[in-house]
Each structure stands twice: as structure tokens, then as C-alpha cells.
Amino acid sequence: AYHSDQRPELLEAGNKALHFLTVPIEHGGPFTSMKD
């Protein structure tokens, strides 16, 4: 979408989605490691 139309709200939404990927499982996100 951003490649097709470089609207700021698309960039913001993508960056927020990216940031949430880095939230650890212990804090409610999907990020973990191979520790198990």
C-alpha cells in the first residue's frame, strides 16, 4: 500500500505493526526466542 501511495498514515500503521512484533510474550506481544 505504501509503495503505491506514500501516505503518512500508512507509514505510521506499518511502523506500529512492526513495533508490536518486538513486544515480548511476557508483556503481551508475540516476540520470544528459542530458549525453550
PDB file of all heavy atoms in Angstrom:
ATOM      1  N   ALA A   1       0.834  -1.205   0.000  1.00  0.00           N
ATOM      2  CA  ALA A   1       0.000   0.000   0.000  1.00  0.00           C
ATOM      3  C   ALA A   1       0.868   1.254   0.000  1.00  0.00           C
ATOM      4  O   ALA A   1       0.623   2.197  -0.767  1.00  0.00           O
ATOM      5  CB  ALA A   1      -0.922  -0.015   1.224  1.00  0.00           C
ATOM      6  N   TYR A   2       1.906   1.256   0.847  1.00  0.00           N
ATOM      7  CA  TYR A   2       2.771   2.430   0.940  1.00  0.00           C
ATOM      8  C   TYR A   2       3.596   2.598  -0.334  1.00  0.00           C
ATOM      9  O   TYR A   2       3.860   3.733  -0.765  1.00  0.00           O
ATOM     10  CB  TYR A   2       3.687   2.309   2.151  1.00  0.00           C
ATOM     11  CG  TYR A   2       4.493   3.560   2.431  1.00  0.00           C
ATOM     12  CD1 TYR A   2       3.864   4.732   2.858  1.00  0.00           C
ATOM     13  CD2 TYR A   2       5.877   3.592   2.251  1.00  0.00           C
ATOM     14  CE1 TYR A   2       4.581   5.888   3.101  1.00  0.00           C
ATOM     15  CE2 TYR A   2       6.606   4.744   2.488  1.00  0.00           C
ATOM     16  CZ  TYR A   2       5.954   5.892   2.909  1.00  0.00           C
ATOM     17  OH  TYR A   2       6.662   7.049   3.136  1.00  0.00           O
ATOM     18  N   HIS A   3       3.969   1.510  -0.957  1.00  0.00           N
ATOM     19  CA  HIS A   3       4.678   1.586  -2.241  1.00  0.00           C
ATOM     20  C   HIS A   3       3.804   2.258  -3.291  1.00  0.00           C
ATOM     21  O   HIS A   3       4.305   3.008  -4.142  1.00  0.00           O
ATOM     22  CB  HIS A   3       5.055   0.170  -2.696  1.00  0.00           C
ATOM     23  CG  HIS A   3       5.589   0.104  -4.092  1.00  0.00           C
ATOM     24  ND1 HIS A   3       6.829   0.581  -4.457  1.00  0.00           N
ATOM     25  CD2 HIS A   3       5.024  -0.386  -5.243  1.00  0.00           C
ATOM     26  CE1 HIS A   3       7.021   0.394  -5.744  1.00  0.00           C
ATOM     27  NE2 HIS A   3       5.942  -0.187  -6.248  1.00  0.00           N
ATOM     28  N   SER A   4       2.496   2.001  -3.207  1.00  0.00           N
ATOM     29  CA  SER A   4       1.564   2.544  -4.193  1.00  0.00           C
ATOM     30  C   SER A   4       1.134   3.969  -3.890  1.00  0.00           C
ATOM     31  O   SER A   4       0.820   4.741  -4.806  1.00  0.00           O
ATOM     32  CB  SER A   4       0.318   1.641  -4.269  1.00  0.00           C
ATOM     33  OG  SER A   4       0.682   0.314  -4.575  1.00  0.00           O
ATOM     34  N   ASP A   5       1.101   4.311  -2.601  1.00  0.00           N
ATOM     35  CA  ASP A   5       0.622   5.634  -2.192  1.00  0.00           C
ATOM     36  C   ASP A   5       1.289   5.989  -0.862  1.00  0.00           C
ATOM     37  O   ASP A   5       0.909   5.462   0.183  1.00  0.00           O
ATOM     38  CB  ASP A   5      -0.904   5.611  -2.031  1.00  0.00           C
ATOM     39  CG  ASP A   5      -1.480   6.991  -1.720  1.00  0.00           C
ATOM     40  OD1 ASP A   5      -0.698   7.953  -1.542  1.00  0.00           O
ATOM     41  OD2 ASP A   5      -2.714   7.103  -1.648  1.00  0.00           O
ATOM     42  N   GLN A   6       2.280   6.862  -0.919  1.00  0.00           N
ATOM     43  CA  GLN A   6       3.100   7.117   0.267  1.00  0.00           C
ATOM     44  C   GLN A   6       2.413   8.094   1.236  1.00  0.00           C
ATOM     45  O   GLN A   6       2.928   9.171   1.551  1.00  0.00           O
ATOM     46  CB  GLN A   6       4.481   7.616  -0.151  1.00  0.00           C
ATOM     47  CG  GLN A   6       5.246   6.563  -0.934  1.00  0.00           C
ATOM     48  CD  GLN A   6       6.692   6.951  -1.206  1.00  0.00           C
ATOM     49  OE1 GLN A   6       7.137   8.042  -0.896  1.00  0.00           O
ATOM     50  NE2 GLN A   6       7.431   6.024  -1.790  1.00  0.00           N
ATOM     51  N   ARG A   7       1.275   7.656   1.735  1.00  0.00           N
ATOM     52  CA  ARG A   7       0.543   8.438   2.724  1.00  0.00           C
ATOM     53  C   ARG A   7       1.146   8.220   4.114  1.00  0.00           C
ATOM     54  O   ARG A   7       1.469   7.080   4.478  1.00  0.00           O
ATOM     55  CB  ARG A   7      -0.928   8.043   2.738  1.00  0.00           C
ATOM     56  CG  ARG A   7      -1.723   8.568   1.566  1.00  0.00           C
ATOM     57  CD  ARG A   7      -3.183   8.197   1.721  1.00  0.00           C
ATOM     58  NE  ARG A   7      -3.461   6.843   1.280  1.00  0.00           N
ATOM     59  CZ  ARG A   7      -4.414   6.079   1.803  1.00  0.00           C
ATOM     60  NH1 ARG A   7      -5.147   6.507   2.805  1.00  0.00           N
ATOM     61  NH2 ARG A   7      -4.628   4.863   1.329  1.00  0.00           N
ATOM     62  N   PRO A   8       1.277   9.276   4.898  1.00  0.00           N
ATOM     63  CA  PRO A   8       1.864   9.164   6.240  1.00  0.00           C
ATOM     64  C   PRO A   8       1.147   8.161   7.129  1.00  0.00           C
ATOM     65  O   PRO A   8       1.792   7.462   7.921  1.00  0.00           O
ATOM     66  CB  PRO A   8       1.745  10.583   6.809  1.00  0.00           C
ATOM     67  CG  PRO A   8       1.682  11.475   5.610  1.00  0.00           C
ATOM     68  CD  PRO A   8       0.951  10.693   4.563  1.00  0.00           C
ATOM     69  N   GLU A   9      -0.177   8.059   7.000  1.00  0.00           N
ATOM     70  CA  GLU A   9      -0.908   7.146   7.883  1.00  0.00           C
ATOM     71  C   GLU A   9      -0.581   5.682   7.597  1.00  0.00           C
ATOM     72  O   GLU A   9      -0.634   4.835   8.487  1.00  0.00           O
ATOM     73  CB  GLU A   9      -2.422   7.368   7.775  1.00  0.00           C
ATOM     74  CG  GLU A   9      -3.017   7.188   6.397  1.00  0.00           C
ATOM     75  CD  GLU A   9      -3.133   8.487   5.618  1.00  0.00           C
ATOM     76  OE1 GLU A   9      -2.264   9.365   5.820  1.00  0.00           O
ATOM     77  OE2 GLU A   9      -4.083   8.623   4.818  1.00  0.00           O
ATOM     78  N   LEU A  10      -0.209   5.374   6.360  1.00  0.00           N
ATOM     79  CA  LEU A  10       0.196   4.009   6.026  1.00  0.00           C
ATOM     80  C   LEU A  10       1.564   3.700   6.625  1.00  0.00           C
ATOM     81  O   LEU A  10       1.795   2.602   7.142  1.00  0.00           O
ATOM     82  CB  LEU A  10       0.221   3.820   4.512  1.00  0.00           C
ATOM     83  CG  LEU A  10      -1.128   3.926   3.800  1.00  0.00           C
ATOM     84  CD1 LEU A  10      -0.941   3.901   2.285  1.00  0.00           C
ATOM     85  CD2 LEU A  10      -2.062   2.800   4.240  1.00  0.00           C
ATOM     86  N   LEU A  11       2.468   4.672   6.555  1.00  0.00           N
ATOM     87  CA  LEU A  11       3.789   4.502   7.156  1.00  0.00           C
ATOM     88  C   LEU A  11       3.664   4.340   8.667  1.00  0.00           C
ATOM     89  O   LEU A  11       4.321   3.482   9.269  1.00  0.00           O
ATOM     90  CB  LEU A  11       4.673   5.706   6.821  1.00  0.00           C
ATOM     91  CG  LEU A  11       6.116   5.654   7.344  1.00  0.00           C
ATOM     92  CD1 LEU A  11       6.883   4.509   6.702  1.00  0.00           C
ATOM     93  CD2 LEU A  11       6.823   6.986   7.066  1.00  0.00           C
ATOM     94  N   GLU A  12       2.815   5.144   9.273  1.00  0.00           N
ATOM     95  CA  GLU A  12       2.625   5.067  10.722  1.00  0.00           C
ATOM     96  C   GLU A  12       2.042   3.717  11.136  1.00  0.00           C
ATOM     97  O   GLU A  12       2.495   3.100  12.103  1.00  0.00           O
ATOM     98  CB  GLU A  12       1.702   6.187  11.197  1.00  0.00           C
ATOM     99  CG  GLU A  12       1.452   6.179  12.707  1.00  0.00           C
ATOM    100  CD  GLU A  12       0.484   7.245  13.150  1.00  0.00           C
ATOM    101  OE1 GLU A  12      -0.060   7.965  12.290  1.00  0.00           O
ATOM    102  OE2 GLU A  12       0.260   7.366  14.370  1.00  0.00           O
ATOM    103  N   ALA A  13       1.057   3.241  10.385  1.00  0.00           N
ATOM    104  CA  ALA A  13       0.433   1.957  10.708  1.00  0.00           C
ATOM    105  C   ALA A  13       1.440   0.816  10.592  1.00  0.00           C
ATOM    106  O   ALA A  13       1.475  -0.090  11.437  1.00  0.00           O
ATOM    107  CB  ALA A  13      -0.753   1.709   9.782  1.00  0.00           C
ATOM    108  N   GLY A  14       2.263   0.856   9.543  1.00  0.00           N
ATOM    109  CA  GLY A  14       3.271  -0.183   9.374  1.00  0.00           C
ATOM    110  C   GLY A  14       4.315  -0.162  10.472  1.00  0.00           C
ATOM    111  O   GLY A  14       4.716  -1.221  10.985  1.00  0.00           O
ATOM    112  N   ASN A  15       4.753   1.020  10.848  1.00  0.00           N
ATOM    113  CA  ASN A  15       5.755   1.126  11.911  1.00  0.00           C
ATOM    114  C   ASN A  15       5.193   0.661  13.251  1.00  0.00           C
ATOM    115  O   ASN A  15       5.907   0.046  14.059  1.00  0.00           O
ATOM    116  CB  ASN A  15       6.280   2.560  12.012  1.00  0.00           C
ATOM    117  CG  ASN A  15       7.278   2.887  10.912  1.00  0.00           C
ATOM    118  OD1 ASN A  15       7.961   2.010  10.395  1.00  0.00           O
ATOM    119  ND2 ASN A  15       7.354   4.148  10.529  1.00  0.00           N
ATOM    120  N   LYS A  16       3.917   0.933  13.486  1.00  0.00           N
ATOM    121  CA  LYS A  16       3.283   0.464  14.717  1.00  0.00           C
ATOM    122  C   LYS A  16       3.152  -1.058  14.706  1.00  0.00           C
ATOM    123  O   LYS A  16       3.368  -1.723  15.729  1.00  0.00           O
ATOM    124  CB  LYS A  16       1.906   1.119  14.882  1.00  0.00           C
ATOM    125  CG  LYS A  16       1.969   2.580  15.306  1.00  0.00           C
ATOM    126  CD  LYS A  16       0.610   3.252  15.217  1.00  0.00           C
ATOM    127  CE  LYS A  16      -0.371   2.684  16.216  1.00  0.00           C
ATOM    128  NZ  LYS A  16      -1.666   3.407  16.170  1.00  0.00           N
ATOM    129  N   ALA A  17       2.815  -1.615  13.557  1.00  0.00           N
ATOM    130  CA  ALA A  17       2.728  -3.075  13.433  1.00  0.00           C
ATOM    131  C   ALA A  17       4.097  -3.708  13.658  1.00  0.00           C
ATOM    132  O   ALA A  17       4.216  -4.751  14.321  1.00  0.00           O
ATOM    133  CB  ALA A  17       2.197  -3.446  12.052  1.00  0.00           C
ATOM    134  N   LEU A  18       5.126  -3.086  13.110  1.00  0.00           N
ATOM    135  CA  LEU A  18       6.495  -3.562  13.292  1.00  0.00           C
ATOM    136  C   LEU A  18       6.890  -3.506  14.764  1.00  0.00           C
ATOM    137  O   LEU A  18       7.449  -4.466  15.313  1.00  0.00           O
ATOM    138  CB  LEU A  18       7.454  -2.714  12.461  1.00  0.00           C
ATOM    139  CG  LEU A  18       8.951  -2.960  12.656  1.00  0.00           C
ATOM    140  CD1 LEU A  18       9.330  -4.364  12.200  1.00  0.00           C
ATOM    141  CD2 LEU A  18       9.771  -1.913  11.893  1.00  0.00           C
ATOM    142  N   HIS A  19       6.601  -2.392  15.408  1.00  0.00           N
ATOM    143  CA  HIS A  19       6.962  -2.241  16.815  1.00  0.00           C
ATOM    144  C   HIS A  19       6.285  -3.311  17.673  1.00  0.00           C
ATOM    145  O   HIS A  19       6.916  -3.887  18.566  1.00  0.00           O
ATOM    146  CB  HIS A  19       6.571  -0.857  17.321  1.00  0.00           C
ATOM    147  CG  HIS A  19       6.766  -0.698  18.805  1.00  0.00           C
ATOM    148  ND1 HIS A  19       8.016  -0.592  19.390  1.00  0.00           N
ATOM    149  CD2 HIS A  19       5.865  -0.667  19.839  1.00  0.00           C
ATOM    150  CE1 HIS A  19       7.881  -0.492  20.699  1.00  0.00           C
ATOM    151  NE2 HIS A  19       6.587  -0.538  20.998  1.00  0.00           N
ATOM    152  N   PHE A  20       5.016  -3.604  17.386  1.00  0.00           N
ATOM    153  CA  PHE A  20       4.328  -4.590  18.217  1.00  0.00           C
ATOM    154  C   PHE A  20       4.942  -5.972  18.073  1.00  0.00           C
ATOM    155  O   PHE A  20       4.894  -6.784  19.006  1.00  0.00           O
ATOM    156  CB  PHE A  20       2.829  -4.638  17.889  1.00  0.00           C
ATOM    157  CG  PHE A  20       2.048  -5.451  18.883  1.00  0.00           C
ATOM    158  CD1 PHE A  20       1.726  -4.919  20.127  1.00  0.00           C
ATOM    159  CD2 PHE A  20       1.683  -6.761  18.600  1.00  0.00           C
ATOM    160  CE1 PHE A  20       1.049  -5.678  21.078  1.00  0.00           C
ATOM    161  CE2 PHE A  20       1.000  -7.521  19.531  1.00  0.00           C
ATOM    162  CZ  PHE A  20       0.680  -6.977  20.774  1.00  0.00           C
ATOM    163  N   LEU A  21       5.528  -6.255  16.919  1.00  0.00           N
ATOM    164  CA  LEU A  21       6.209  -7.543  16.735  1.00  0.00           C
ATOM    165  C   LEU A  21       7.333  -7.739  17.742  1.00  0.00           C
ATOM    166  O   LEU A  21       7.700  -8.874  18.058  1.00  0.00           O
ATOM    167  CB  LEU A  21       6.791  -7.632  15.318  1.00  0.00           C
ATOM    168  CG  LEU A  21       5.997  -8.374  14.257  1.00  0.00           C
ATOM    169  CD1 LEU A  21       6.760  -8.344  12.944  1.00  0.00           C
ATOM    170  CD2 LEU A  21       5.719  -9.816  14.672  1.00  0.00           C
ATOM    171  N   THR A  22       7.899  -6.652  18.244  1.00  0.00           N
ATOM    172  CA  THR A  22       9.046  -6.750  19.153  1.00  0.00           C
ATOM    173  C   THR A  22       8.626  -6.758  20.621  1.00  0.00           C
ATOM    174  O   THR A  22       9.492  -6.775  21.499  1.00  0.00           O
ATOM    175  CB  THR A  22      10.027  -5.586  18.919  1.00  0.00           C
ATOM    176  OG1 THR A  22       9.404  -4.342  19.295  1.00  0.00           O
ATOM    177  CG2 THR A  22      10.449  -5.502  17.463  1.00  0.00           C
ATOM    178  N   VAL A  23       7.325  -6.754  20.892  1.00  0.00           N
ATOM    179  CA  VAL A  23       6.860  -6.800  22.284  1.00  0.00           C
ATOM    180  C   VAL A  23       6.968  -8.244  22.776  1.00  0.00           C
ATOM    181  O   VAL A  23       6.378  -9.155  22.177  1.00  0.00           O
ATOM    182  CB  VAL A  23       5.408  -6.300  22.400  1.00  0.00           C
ATOM    183  CG1 VAL A  23       4.899  -6.461  23.831  1.00  0.00           C
ATOM    184  CG2 VAL A  23       5.321  -4.842  21.960  1.00  0.00           C
ATOM    185  N   PRO A  24       7.723  -8.492  23.851  1.00  0.00           N
ATOM    186  CA  PRO A  24       7.898  -9.863  24.349  1.00  0.00           C
ATOM    187  C   PRO A  24       6.581 -10.499  24.781  1.00  0.00           C
ATOM    188  O   PRO A  24       5.638  -9.806  25.175  1.00  0.00           O
ATOM    189  CB  PRO A  24       8.836  -9.684  25.550  1.00  0.00           C
ATOM    190  CG  PRO A  24       9.513  -8.371  25.330  1.00  0.00           C
ATOM    191  CD  PRO A  24       8.494  -7.516  24.626  1.00  0.00           C
ATOM    192  N   ILE A  25       6.534 -11.798  24.717  1.00  0.00           N
ATOM    193  CA  ILE A  25       5.350 -12.549  25.140  1.00  0.00           C
ATOM    194  C   ILE A  25       4.949 -12.182  26.559  1.00  0.00           C
ATOM    195  O   ILE A  25       3.755 -12.038  26.858  1.00  0.00           O
ATOM    196  CB  ILE A  25       5.621 -14.062  25.026  1.00  0.00           C
ATOM    197  CG1 ILE A  25       5.535 -14.500  23.552  1.00  0.00           C
ATOM    198  CG2 ILE A  25       4.649 -14.865  25.872  1.00  0.00           C
ATOM    199  CD1 ILE A  25       5.850 -15.956  23.319  1.00  0.00           C
ATOM    200  N   GLU A  26       5.940 -11.990  27.442  1.00  0.00           N
ATOM    201  CA  GLU A  26       5.650 -11.673  28.844  1.00  0.00           C
ATOM    202  C   GLU A  26       4.890 -10.359  28.990  1.00  0.00           C
ATOM    203  O   GLU A  26       4.244 -10.117  30.006  1.00  0.00           O
ATOM    204  CB  GLU A  26       6.941 -11.582  29.650  1.00  0.00           C
ATOM    205  CG  GLU A  26       7.873 -12.789  29.507  1.00  0.00           C
ATOM    206  CD  GLU A  26       8.835 -12.641  28.340  1.00  0.00           C
ATOM    207  OE1 GLU A  26       9.833 -11.909  28.459  1.00  0.00           O
ATOM    208  OE2 GLU A  26       8.554 -13.277  27.301  1.00  0.00           O
ATOM    209  N   HIS A  27       4.979  -9.504  27.979  1.00  0.00           N
ATOM    210  CA  HIS A  27       4.297  -8.209  28.016  1.00  0.00           C
ATOM    211  C   HIS A  27       3.134  -8.136  27.026  1.00  0.00           C
ATOM    212  O   HIS A  27       2.678  -7.051  26.675  1.00  0.00           O
ATOM    213  CB  HIS A  27       5.301  -7.094  27.751  1.00  0.00           C
ATOM    214  CG  HIS A  27       6.409  -7.026  28.762  1.00  0.00           C
ATOM    215  ND1 HIS A  27       6.190  -6.712  30.088  1.00  0.00           N
ATOM    216  CD2 HIS A  27       7.746  -7.267  28.650  1.00  0.00           C
ATOM    217  CE1 HIS A  27       7.341  -6.747  30.753  1.00  0.00           C
ATOM    218  NE2 HIS A  27       8.294  -7.086  29.903  1.00  0.00           N
ATOM    219  N   GLY A  28       2.690  -9.296  26.559  1.00  0.00           N
ATOM    220  CA  GLY A  28       1.502  -9.325  25.720  1.00  0.00           C
ATOM    221  C   GLY A  28       1.725  -9.349  24.228  1.00  0.00           C
ATOM    222  O   GLY A  28       0.767  -9.246  23.463  1.00  0.00           O
ATOM    223  N   GLY A  29       2.981  -9.475  23.780  1.00  0.00           N
ATOM    224  CA  GLY A  29       3.273  -9.496  22.354  1.00  0.00           C
ATOM    225  C   GLY A  29       3.629 -10.892  21.857  1.00  0.00           C
ATOM    226  O   GLY A  29       3.520 -11.875  22.589  1.00  0.00           O
ATOM    227  N   PRO A  30       4.114 -11.008  20.610  1.00  0.00           N
ATOM    228  CA  PRO A  30       4.449 -12.307  20.024  1.00  0.00           C
ATOM    229  C   PRO A  30       5.949 -12.621  19.984  1.00  0.00           C
ATOM    230  O   PRO A  30       6.359 -13.630  19.425  1.00  0.00           O
ATOM    231  CB  PRO A  30       3.904 -12.177  18.604  1.00  0.00           C
ATOM    232  CG  PRO A  30       4.142 -10.729  18.268  1.00  0.00           C
ATOM    233  CD  PRO A  30       4.013  -9.964  19.560  1.00  0.00           C
ATOM    234  N   PHE A  31       6.774 -11.737  20.556  1.00  0.00           N
ATOM    235  CA  PHE A  31       8.232 -11.860  20.424  1.00  0.00           C
ATOM    236  C   PHE A  31       8.795 -12.789  21.498  1.00  0.00           C
ATOM    237  O   PHE A  31       8.525 -12.626  22.690  1.00  0.00           O
ATOM    238  CB  PHE A  31       8.870 -10.485  20.559  1.00  0.00           C
ATOM    239  CG  PHE A  31      10.359 -10.460  20.325  1.00  0.00           C
ATOM    240  CD1 PHE A  31      10.874 -10.488  19.048  1.00  0.00           C
ATOM    241  CD2 PHE A  31      11.241 -10.400  21.389  1.00  0.00           C
ATOM    242  CE1 PHE A  31      12.246 -10.451  18.818  1.00  0.00           C
ATOM    243  CE2 PHE A  31      12.619 -10.363  21.175  1.00  0.00           C
ATOM    244  CZ  PHE A  31      13.118 -10.392  19.884  1.00  0.00           C
ATOM    245  N   THR A  32       9.586 -13.774  21.063  1.00  0.00           N
ATOM    246  CA  THR A  32      10.210 -14.692  22.004  1.00  0.00           C
ATOM    247  C   THR A  32      11.555 -15.151  21.439  1.00  0.00           C
ATOM    248  O   THR A  32      12.117 -14.501  20.560  1.00  0.00           O
ATOM    249  CB  THR A  32       9.270 -15.888  22.297  1.00  0.00           C
ATOM    250  OG1 THR A  32       9.833 -16.700  23.336  1.00  0.00           O
ATOM    251  CG2 THR A  32       9.034 -16.742  21.062  1.00  0.00           C
ATOM    252  N   SER A  33      12.069 -16.247  21.951  1.00  0.00           N
ATOM    253  CA  SER A  33      13.353 -16.775  21.489  1.00  0.00           C
ATOM    254  C   SER A  33      13.285 -18.302  21.482  1.00  0.00           C
ATOM    255  O   SER A  33      12.250 -18.888  21.828  1.00  0.00           O
ATOM    256  CB  SER A  33      14.490 -16.316  22.413  1.00  0.00           C
ATOM    257  OG  SER A  33      14.422 -17.012  23.654  1.00  0.00           O
ATOM    258  N   MET A  34      14.380 -18.920  21.119  1.00  0.00           N
ATOM    259  CA  MET A  34      14.434 -20.385  21.087  1.00  0.00           C
ATOM    260  C   MET A  34      14.826 -20.973  22.445  1.00  0.00           C
ATOM    261  O   MET A  34      15.290 -22.107  22.536  1.00  0.00           O
ATOM    262  CB  MET A  34      15.423 -20.839  20.005  1.00  0.00           C
ATOM    263  CG  MET A  34      15.055 -20.432  18.602  1.00  0.00           C
ATOM    264  SD  MET A  34      13.361 -20.863  18.099  1.00  0.00           S
ATOM    265  CE  MET A  34      13.366 -22.638  18.298  1.00  0.00           C
ATOM    266  N   LYS A  35      14.600 -20.235  23.500  1.00  0.00           N
ATOM    267  CA  LYS A  35      15.010 -20.653  24.840  1.00  0.00           C
ATOM    268  C   LYS A  35      14.332 -21.931  25.316  1.00  0.00           C
ATOM    269  O   LYS A  35      14.855 -22.606  26.214  1.00  0.00           O
ATOM    270  CB  LYS A  35      14.726 -19.535  25.836  1.00  0.00           C
ATOM    271  CG  LYS A  35      13.250 -19.171  25.942  1.00  0.00           C
ATOM    272  CD  LYS A  35      13.026 -17.985  26.859  1.00  0.00           C
ATOM    273  CE  LYS A  35      11.535 -17.616  26.910  1.00  0.00           C
ATOM    274  NZ  LYS A  35      11.296 -16.441  27.777  1.00  0.00           N
ATOM    275  N   ASP A  36      13.180 -22.274  24.742  1.00  0.00           N
ATOM    276  CA  ASP A  36      12.513 -23.498  25.182  1.00  0.00           C
ATOM    277  C   ASP A  36      13.132 -24.752  24.576  1.00  0.00           C
ATOM    278  O   ASP A  36      12.771 -25.863  24.964  1.00  0.00           O
ATOM    279  CB  ASP A  36      11.014 -23.437  24.867  1.00  0.00           C
ATOM    280  CG  ASP A  36      10.256 -22.588  25.879  1.00  0.00           C
ATOM    281  OD1 ASP A  36      10.904 -22.084  26.820  1.00  0.00           O
ATOM    282  OD2 ASP A  36       9.033 -22.418  25.738  1.00  0.00           O
TER     283      ASP A  36
END
